[in-house]
């Protein structure tokens, strides 16, 4: 049996689903849930996002058949917490290669769903997950060393952030660059998100760091956070 969450699902034929699962042992993988769309399906209500499942499947091909899926724990989410759950799912779909074993990411994801279900303060929860994901996938940058020289970040120095590199010391920053003082970088390194400015800086840094690895298509979940036009 495999601990798993449903990241996404697609209707397949008349009564079935193709599921994209995130599993503790096998990372991302797709399975067919035959008959799952039927009103009499034994899995009715189970194959939903944010349900922790004990799942099993059978078959050697790229699309094995789901044989068992029991809900172990549900994490019902509402409002912005629900949208945030969809955002986590999209990050995992975009960044985690199929069949890439990532038990640490799975555990981080489960813990983050717990915090979303408990409606913890949202921004720090999302920012921590983003950073942990970069670290787990070896995509992280250094908060404490200048990217080009390896010298320690200096509190009084000004730095530009470059995706896939890190912080580079500058005397004069170009317009629209992501610029931070060393003292703020060092505070963010310790996850001191105690001001609105630092929360904003951390969010911008995570977005910039993730973007090269997400591809060119925009994340659908980000649109959910925008006010709806009447």
C-alpha atoms as a PDB file:
ATOM      1  CA  UNK A   1       0.000   0.000   0.000  1.00  0.00           C
ATOM      2  CA  UNK A   2       1.130   3.536  -0.770  1.00  0.00           C
ATOM      3  CA  UNK A   3       0.429   6.791   1.048  1.00  0.00           C
ATOM      4  CA  UNK A   4      -0.879   9.134  -1.660  1.00  0.00           C
ATOM      5  CA  UNK A   5      -2.725  12.348  -2.442  1.00  0.00           C
ATOM      6  CA  UNK A   6      -4.660  13.177  -5.614  1.00  0.00           C
ATOM      7  CA  UNK A   7      -3.017  16.185  -7.286  1.00  0.00           C
ATOM      8  CA  UNK A   8      -5.343  16.272 -10.286  1.00  0.00           C
ATOM      9  CA  UNK A   9      -7.842  14.116 -12.148  1.00  0.00           C
ATOM     10  CA  UNK A  10      -9.302  13.932 -15.642  1.00  0.00           C
ATOM     11  CA  UNK A  11     -12.481  12.278 -16.886  1.00  0.00           C
ATOM     12  CA  UNK A  12     -11.623   9.135 -18.852  1.00  0.00           C
ATOM     13  CA  UNK A  13     -14.078   7.283 -21.060  1.00  0.00           C
ATOM     14  CA  UNK A  14     -17.616   7.131 -19.674  1.00  0.00           C
ATOM     15  CA  UNK A  15     -17.202   6.206 -16.027  1.00  0.00           C
ATOM     16  CA  UNK A  16     -13.508   6.479 -15.137  1.00  0.00           C
ATOM     17  CA  UNK A  17     -10.810   8.930 -14.082  1.00  0.00           C
ATOM     18  CA  UNK A  18      -7.143   9.286 -14.810  1.00  0.00           C
ATOM     19  CA  UNK A  19      -5.571  10.361 -11.531  1.00  0.00           C
ATOM     20  CA  UNK A  20      -2.284  12.107 -10.996  1.00  0.00           C
ATOM     21  CA  UNK A  21      -1.136  10.918  -7.590  1.00  0.00           C
ATOM     22  CA  UNK A  22       1.597  12.237  -5.345  1.00  0.00           C
ATOM     23  CA  UNK A  23       2.892   9.254  -3.405  1.00  0.00           C
ATOM     24  CA  UNK A  24       5.349   8.984  -0.558  1.00  0.00           C
ATOM     25  CA  UNK A  25       7.340   6.135  -2.111  1.00  0.00           C
ATOM     26  CA  UNK A  26       7.063   6.724  -5.855  1.00  0.00           C
ATOM     27  CA  UNK A  27       6.637  10.491  -6.241  1.00  0.00           C
ATOM     28  CA  UNK A  28       4.224  11.569  -8.971  1.00  0.00           C
ATOM     29  CA  UNK A  29       2.517   8.901 -11.014  1.00  0.00           C
ATOM     30  CA  UNK A  30      -0.695   8.440 -12.998  1.00  0.00           C
ATOM     31  CA  UNK A  31      -3.230   5.642 -12.614  1.00  0.00           C
ATOM     32  CA  UNK A  32      -6.640   4.789 -14.050  1.00  0.00           C
ATOM     33  CA  UNK A  33      -9.509   4.635 -11.567  1.00  0.00           C
ATOM     34  CA  UNK A  34     -11.977   2.509 -13.515  1.00  0.00           C
ATOM     35  CA  UNK A  35     -15.629   3.147 -12.733  1.00  0.00           C
ATOM     36  CA  UNK A  36     -14.781   5.942 -10.278  1.00  0.00           C
ATOM     37  CA  UNK A  37     -17.234   8.371 -11.910  1.00  0.00           C
ATOM     38  CA  UNK A  38     -20.127   5.959 -11.521  1.00  0.00           C
ATOM     39  CA  UNK A  39     -22.789   6.851  -8.937  1.00  0.00           C
ATOM     40  CA  UNK A  40     -22.234   3.436  -7.359  1.00  0.00           C
ATOM     41  CA  UNK A  41     -18.440   3.683  -7.232  1.00  0.00           C
ATOM     42  CA  UNK A  42     -16.838   2.394  -4.043  1.00  0.00           C
ATOM     43  CA  UNK A  43     -14.490   5.385  -4.255  1.00  0.00           C
ATOM     44  CA  UNK A  44     -17.192   8.036  -4.383  1.00  0.00           C
ATOM     45  CA  UNK A  45     -15.931  11.041  -2.381  1.00  0.00           C
ATOM     46  CA  UNK A  46     -12.538   9.458  -1.758  1.00  0.00           C
ATOM     47  CA  UNK A  47     -10.571  10.453  -4.858  1.00  0.00           C
ATOM     48  CA  UNK A  48     -10.585  14.160  -4.060  1.00  0.00           C
ATOM     49  CA  UNK A  49      -7.652  16.529  -3.567  1.00  0.00           C
ATOM     50  CA  UNK A  50      -6.373  16.889  -0.004  1.00  0.00           C
ATOM     51  CA  UNK A  51      -7.457  13.399   1.108  1.00  0.00           C
ATOM     52  CA  UNK A  52      -4.587  11.273   2.388  1.00  0.00           C
ATOM     53  CA  UNK A  53      -5.113   7.833   0.859  1.00  0.00           C
ATOM     54  CA  UNK A  54      -3.760   4.356   1.334  1.00  0.00           C
ATOM     55  CA  UNK A  55      -3.677   3.330  -2.317  1.00  0.00           C
ATOM     56  CA  UNK A  56      -2.645   0.348  -4.388  1.00  0.00           C
ATOM     57  CA  UNK A  57      -2.555  -0.228  -8.132  1.00  0.00           C
ATOM     58  CA  UNK A  58      -1.747  -3.020 -10.550  1.00  0.00           C
ATOM     59  CA  UNK A  59      -0.124  -3.114 -13.961  1.00  0.00           C
ATOM     60  CA  UNK A  60       3.343  -2.669 -15.411  1.00  0.00           C
ATOM     61  CA  UNK A  61       2.641  -0.026 -18.051  1.00  0.00           C
ATOM     62  CA  UNK A  62       2.685   3.746 -17.834  1.00  0.00           C
ATOM     63  CA  UNK A  63      -0.942   3.785 -16.679  1.00  0.00           C
ATOM     64  CA  UNK A  64      -1.656   1.028 -14.134  1.00  0.00           C
ATOM     65  CA  UNK A  65      -5.125   0.415 -12.711  1.00  0.00           C
ATOM     66  CA  UNK A  66      -6.093   1.606  -9.251  1.00  0.00           C
ATOM     67  CA  UNK A  67      -7.189  -1.322  -7.109  1.00  0.00           C
ATOM     68  CA  UNK A  68      -7.628   0.205  -3.672  1.00  0.00           C
ATOM     69  CA  UNK A  69      -7.925   3.694  -2.199  1.00  0.00           C
ATOM     70  CA  UNK A  70      -8.945   4.242   1.410  1.00  0.00           C
ATOM     71  CA  UNK A  71      -9.131   7.676   3.032  1.00  0.00           C
ATOM     72  CA  UNK A  72      -6.793   7.815   6.027  1.00  0.00           C
ATOM     73  CA  UNK A  73      -7.181  11.514   6.771  1.00  0.00           C
ATOM     74  CA  UNK A  74      -9.037  14.380   5.113  1.00  0.00           C
ATOM     75  CA  UNK A  75      -7.843  17.990   5.039  1.00  0.00           C
ATOM     76  CA  UNK A  76     -10.941  20.019   4.054  1.00  0.00           C
ATOM     77  CA  UNK A  77      -9.974  23.534   2.965  1.00  0.00           C
ATOM     78  CA  UNK A  78     -12.010  26.682   2.378  1.00  0.00           C
ATOM     79  CA  UNK A  79     -11.601  30.029   0.646  1.00  0.00           C
ATOM     80  CA  UNK A  80      -8.031  31.238   0.225  1.00  0.00           C
ATOM     81  CA  UNK A  81      -6.786  28.126   2.002  1.00  0.00           C
ATOM     82  CA  UNK A  82      -8.422  26.001  -0.689  1.00  0.00           C
ATOM     83  CA  UNK A  83      -6.819  28.116  -3.419  1.00  0.00           C
ATOM     84  CA  UNK A  84      -3.493  27.739  -1.623  1.00  0.00           C
ATOM     85  CA  UNK A  85      -3.906  23.963  -1.660  1.00  0.00           C
ATOM     86  CA  UNK A  86      -4.391  24.063  -5.422  1.00  0.00           C
ATOM     87  CA  UNK A  87      -1.261  26.234  -5.647  1.00  0.00           C
ATOM     88  CA  UNK A  88       0.773  23.616  -3.773  1.00  0.00           C
ATOM     89  CA  UNK A  89      -0.530  20.946  -6.135  1.00  0.00           C
ATOM     90  CA  UNK A  90       0.493  22.944  -9.194  1.00  0.00           C
ATOM     91  CA  UNK A  91       3.979  23.536  -7.819  1.00  0.00           C
ATOM     92  CA  UNK A  92       4.460  19.812  -7.289  1.00  0.00           C
ATOM     93  CA  UNK A  93       3.085  18.983 -10.745  1.00  0.00           C
ATOM     94  CA  UNK A  94       5.404  21.482 -12.429  1.00  0.00           C
ATOM     95  CA  UNK A  95       8.587  20.958 -10.412  1.00  0.00           C
ATOM     96  CA  UNK A  96       8.653  17.299  -9.442  1.00  0.00           C
ATOM     97  CA  UNK A  97       9.606  14.882 -12.248  1.00  0.00           C
ATOM     98  CA  UNK A  98       7.397  11.806 -12.608  1.00  0.00           C
ATOM     99  CA  UNK A  99       8.480   8.806 -10.513  1.00  0.00           C
ATOM    100  CA  UNK A 100      11.016  10.980  -8.664  1.00  0.00           C
ATOM    101  CA  UNK A 101      11.057   9.668  -5.100  1.00  0.00           C
ATOM    102  CA  UNK A 102      10.561  12.625  -2.786  1.00  0.00           C
ATOM    103  CA  UNK A 103       9.461  11.437   0.643  1.00  0.00           C
ATOM    104  CA  UNK A 104      10.672  14.701   2.217  1.00  0.00           C
ATOM    105  CA  UNK A 105       8.525  16.756  -0.155  1.00  0.00           C
ATOM    106  CA  UNK A 106       5.575  14.467   0.600  1.00  0.00           C
ATOM    107  CA  UNK A 107       6.007  15.024   4.337  1.00  0.00           C
ATOM    108  CA  UNK A 108       6.372  18.799   3.845  1.00  0.00           C
ATOM    109  CA  UNK A 109       3.203  18.794   1.740  1.00  0.00           C
ATOM    110  CA  UNK A 110       1.235  16.830   4.333  1.00  0.00           C
ATOM    111  CA  UNK A 111       2.403  19.159   7.118  1.00  0.00           C
ATOM    112  CA  UNK A 112       1.489  22.222   5.051  1.00  0.00           C
ATOM    113  CA  UNK A 113      -2.003  20.836   4.388  1.00  0.00           C
ATOM    114  CA  UNK A 114      -2.402  20.433   8.142  1.00  0.00           C
ATOM    115  CA  UNK A 115      -1.544  24.117   8.631  1.00  0.00           C
ATOM    116  CA  UNK A 116      -3.915  25.178   5.840  1.00  0.00           C
ATOM    117  CA  UNK A 117      -6.705  23.088   7.363  1.00  0.00           C
ATOM    118  CA  UNK A 118      -6.047  24.762  10.728  1.00  0.00           C
ATOM    119  CA  UNK A 119      -6.124  28.146   8.945  1.00  0.00           C
ATOM    120  CA  UNK A 120      -2.693  29.192  10.175  1.00  0.00           C
ATOM    121  CA  UNK A 121      -1.323  32.559   9.022  1.00  0.00           C
ATOM    122  CA  UNK A 122      -1.278  31.980   5.284  1.00  0.00           C
ATOM    123  CA  UNK A 123       1.686  33.880   3.838  1.00  0.00           C
ATOM    124  CA  UNK A 124       4.406  32.380   6.078  1.00  0.00           C
ATOM    125  CA  UNK A 125       2.990  28.882   5.500  1.00  0.00           C
ATOM    126  CA  UNK A 126       3.214  29.245   1.711  1.00  0.00           C
ATOM    127  CA  UNK A 127       6.622  30.906   1.762  1.00  0.00           C
ATOM    128  CA  UNK A 128       8.109  28.156   3.932  1.00  0.00           C
ATOM    129  CA  UNK A 129       6.742  25.439   1.635  1.00  0.00           C
ATOM    130  CA  UNK A 130       8.158  27.194  -1.438  1.00  0.00           C
ATOM    131  CA  UNK A 131      11.600  27.449   0.140  1.00  0.00           C
ATOM    132  CA  UNK A 132      11.544  23.851   1.376  1.00  0.00           C
ATOM    133  CA  UNK A 133      10.619  22.710  -2.119  1.00  0.00           C
ATOM    134  CA  UNK A 134      13.586  24.559  -3.627  1.00  0.00           C
ATOM    135  CA  UNK A 135      15.883  23.003  -1.028  1.00  0.00           C
ATOM    136  CA  UNK A 136      14.548  19.453  -1.487  1.00  0.00           C
ATOM    137  CA  UNK A 137      14.964  19.648  -5.267  1.00  0.00           C
ATOM    138  CA  UNK A 138      18.482  21.143  -5.098  1.00  0.00           C
ATOM    139  CA  UNK A 139      17.292  24.419  -6.599  1.00  0.00           C
ATOM    140  CA  UNK A 140      18.031  26.627  -3.591  1.00  0.00           C
ATOM    141  CA  UNK A 141      20.336  29.637  -3.368  1.00  0.00           C
ATOM    142  CA  UNK A 142      22.456  30.916  -0.473  1.00  0.00           C
ATOM    143  CA  UNK A 143      21.042  33.543   1.866  1.00  0.00           C
ATOM    144  CA  UNK A 144      24.390  34.096   3.562  1.00  0.00           C
ATOM    145  CA  UNK A 145      26.973  34.215   0.752  1.00  0.00           C
ATOM    146  CA  UNK A 146      27.343  36.503  -2.258  1.00  0.00           C
ATOM    147  CA  UNK A 147      26.702  34.468  -5.400  1.00  0.00           C
ATOM    148  CA  UNK A 148      29.796  35.487  -7.395  1.00  0.00           C
ATOM    149  CA  UNK A 149      32.466  35.708  -4.701  1.00  0.00           C
ATOM    150  CA  UNK A 150      31.241  33.434  -1.925  1.00  0.00           C
ATOM    151  CA  UNK A 151      31.877  36.248   0.557  1.00  0.00           C
ATOM    152  CA  UNK A 152      29.463  36.615   3.506  1.00  0.00           C
ATOM    153  CA  UNK A 153      26.444  38.854   3.001  1.00  0.00           C
ATOM    154  CA  UNK A 154      27.177  42.240   4.614  1.00  0.00           C
ATOM    155  CA  UNK A 155      24.346  44.001   6.441  1.00  0.00           C
ATOM    156  CA  UNK A 156      25.189  47.473   5.043  1.00  0.00           C
ATOM    157  CA  UNK A 157      25.673  46.320   1.433  1.00  0.00           C
ATOM    158  CA  UNK A 158      23.042  46.417  -1.336  1.00  0.00           C
ATOM    159  CA  UNK A 159      22.345  43.290  -3.397  1.00  0.00           C
ATOM    160  CA  UNK A 160      20.416  42.288  -6.500  1.00  0.00           C
ATOM    161  CA  UNK A 161      18.768  38.887  -6.621  1.00  0.00           C
ATOM    162  CA  UNK A 162      19.333  36.841  -9.780  1.00  0.00           C
ATOM    163  CA  UNK A 163      17.267  33.669 -10.274  1.00  0.00           C
ATOM    164  CA  UNK A 164      19.334  30.466 -10.381  1.00  0.00           C
ATOM    165  CA  UNK A 165      22.280  32.396  -8.905  1.00  0.00           C
ATOM    166  CA  UNK A 166      21.450  34.282  -5.735  1.00  0.00           C
ATOM    167  CA  UNK A 167      22.441  37.665  -4.333  1.00  0.00           C
ATOM    168  CA  UNK A 168      25.054  39.802  -6.091  1.00  0.00           C
ATOM    169  CA  UNK A 169      26.539  42.933  -4.512  1.00  0.00           C
ATOM    170  CA  UNK A 170      26.008  46.197  -6.430  1.00  0.00           C
ATOM    171  CA  UNK A 171      26.734  49.880  -5.969  1.00  0.00           C
ATOM    172  CA  UNK A 172      23.872  51.044  -8.162  1.00  0.00           C
ATOM    173  CA  UNK A 173      20.954  48.798  -9.075  1.00  0.00           C
ATOM    174  CA  UNK A 174      19.155  48.967 -12.431  1.00  0.00           C
ATOM    175  CA  UNK A 175      15.495  49.895 -12.459  1.00  0.00           C
ATOM    176  CA  UNK A 176      12.976  47.135 -11.721  1.00  0.00           C
ATOM    177  CA  UNK A 177      15.677  44.886 -10.261  1.00  0.00           C
ATOM    178  CA  UNK A 178      14.899  42.904  -7.121  1.00  0.00           C
ATOM    179  CA  UNK A 179      17.103  44.831  -4.684  1.00  0.00           C
ATOM    180  CA  UNK A 180      17.582  44.173  -0.963  1.00  0.00           C
ATOM    181  CA  UNK A 181      19.841  45.404   1.801  1.00  0.00           C
ATOM    182  CA  UNK A 182      22.094  42.823   3.383  1.00  0.00           C
ATOM    183  CA  UNK A 183      20.443  43.245   6.781  1.00  0.00           C
ATOM    184  CA  UNK A 184      17.080  42.281   5.275  1.00  0.00           C
ATOM    185  CA  UNK A 185      18.562  39.280   3.461  1.00  0.00           C
ATOM    186  CA  UNK A 186      20.053  38.007   6.724  1.00  0.00           C
ATOM    187  CA  UNK A 187      16.725  38.492   8.505  1.00  0.00           C
ATOM    188  CA  UNK A 188      14.925  36.570   5.758  1.00  0.00           C
ATOM    189  CA  UNK A 189      17.537  33.816   6.039  1.00  0.00           C
ATOM    190  CA  UNK A 190      16.247  33.275   9.590  1.00  0.00           C
ATOM    191  CA  UNK A 191      12.641  33.493   8.348  1.00  0.00           C
ATOM    192  CA  UNK A 192      12.005  36.733  10.222  1.00  0.00           C
ATOM    193  CA  UNK A 193       8.860  37.782   8.367  1.00  0.00           C
ATOM    194  CA  UNK A 194       7.822  40.274  11.016  1.00  0.00           C
ATOM    195  CA  UNK A 195       7.085  43.243   8.727  1.00  0.00           C
ATOM    196  CA  UNK A 196       4.949  43.687   5.634  1.00  0.00           C
ATOM    197  CA  UNK A 197       8.023  44.706   3.662  1.00  0.00           C
ATOM    198  CA  UNK A 198       9.859  41.495   4.551  1.00  0.00           C
ATOM    199  CA  UNK A 199       6.811  39.390   3.738  1.00  0.00           C
ATOM    200  CA  UNK A 200       6.635  41.104   0.362  1.00  0.00           C
ATOM    201  CA  UNK A 201      10.368  40.663  -0.274  1.00  0.00           C
ATOM    202  CA  UNK A 202      10.220  36.963   0.587  1.00  0.00           C
ATOM    203  CA  UNK A 203       7.232  36.453  -1.706  1.00  0.00           C
ATOM    204  CA  UNK A 204       8.983  38.225  -4.596  1.00  0.00           C
ATOM    205  CA  UNK A 205      12.171  36.233  -4.011  1.00  0.00           C
ATOM    206  CA  UNK A 206      10.329  32.908  -4.016  1.00  0.00           C
ATOM    207  CA  UNK A 207       8.424  33.836  -7.153  1.00  0.00           C
ATOM    208  CA  UNK A 208      11.640  34.849  -8.921  1.00  0.00           C
ATOM    209  CA  UNK A 209      13.485  31.719  -7.765  1.00  0.00           C
ATOM    210  CA  UNK A 210      10.694  29.370  -8.831  1.00  0.00           C
ATOM    211  CA  UNK A 211       9.872  30.962 -12.183  1.00  0.00           C
ATOM    212  CA  UNK A 212      12.739  29.503 -14.292  1.00  0.00           C
ATOM    213  CA  UNK A 213      11.660  26.002 -13.259  1.00  0.00           C
ATOM    214  CA  UNK A 214       7.899  26.418 -13.760  1.00  0.00           C
ATOM    215  CA  UNK A 215       7.891  26.849 -17.526  1.00  0.00           C
ATOM    216  CA  UNK A 216       6.164  29.528 -19.558  1.00  0.00           C
ATOM    217  CA  UNK A 217       2.540  28.646 -18.797  1.00  0.00           C
ATOM    218  CA  UNK A 218       1.044  30.717 -15.951  1.00  0.00           C
ATOM    219  CA  UNK A 219      -0.123  28.930 -12.828  1.00  0.00           C
ATOM    220  CA  UNK A 220      -3.915  28.604 -12.913  1.00  0.00           C
ATOM    221  CA  UNK A 221      -4.180  28.688  -9.124  1.00  0.00           C
ATOM    222  CA  UNK A 222      -2.783  32.241  -8.959  1.00  0.00           C
ATOM    223  CA  UNK A 223      -5.845  33.481 -10.835  1.00  0.00           C
ATOM    224  CA  UNK A 224      -8.067  32.203  -8.022  1.00  0.00           C
ATOM    225  CA  UNK A 225      -6.579  34.768  -5.629  1.00  0.00           C
ATOM    226  CA  UNK A 226      -7.493  37.702  -7.861  1.00  0.00           C
ATOM    227  CA  UNK A 227     -10.776  39.558  -7.221  1.00  0.00           C
ATOM    228  CA  UNK A 228     -13.496  38.355  -9.564  1.00  0.00           C
ATOM    229  CA  UNK A 229     -14.854  40.883 -12.057  1.00  0.00           C
ATOM    230  CA  UNK A 230     -18.597  41.450 -11.713  1.00  0.00           C
END
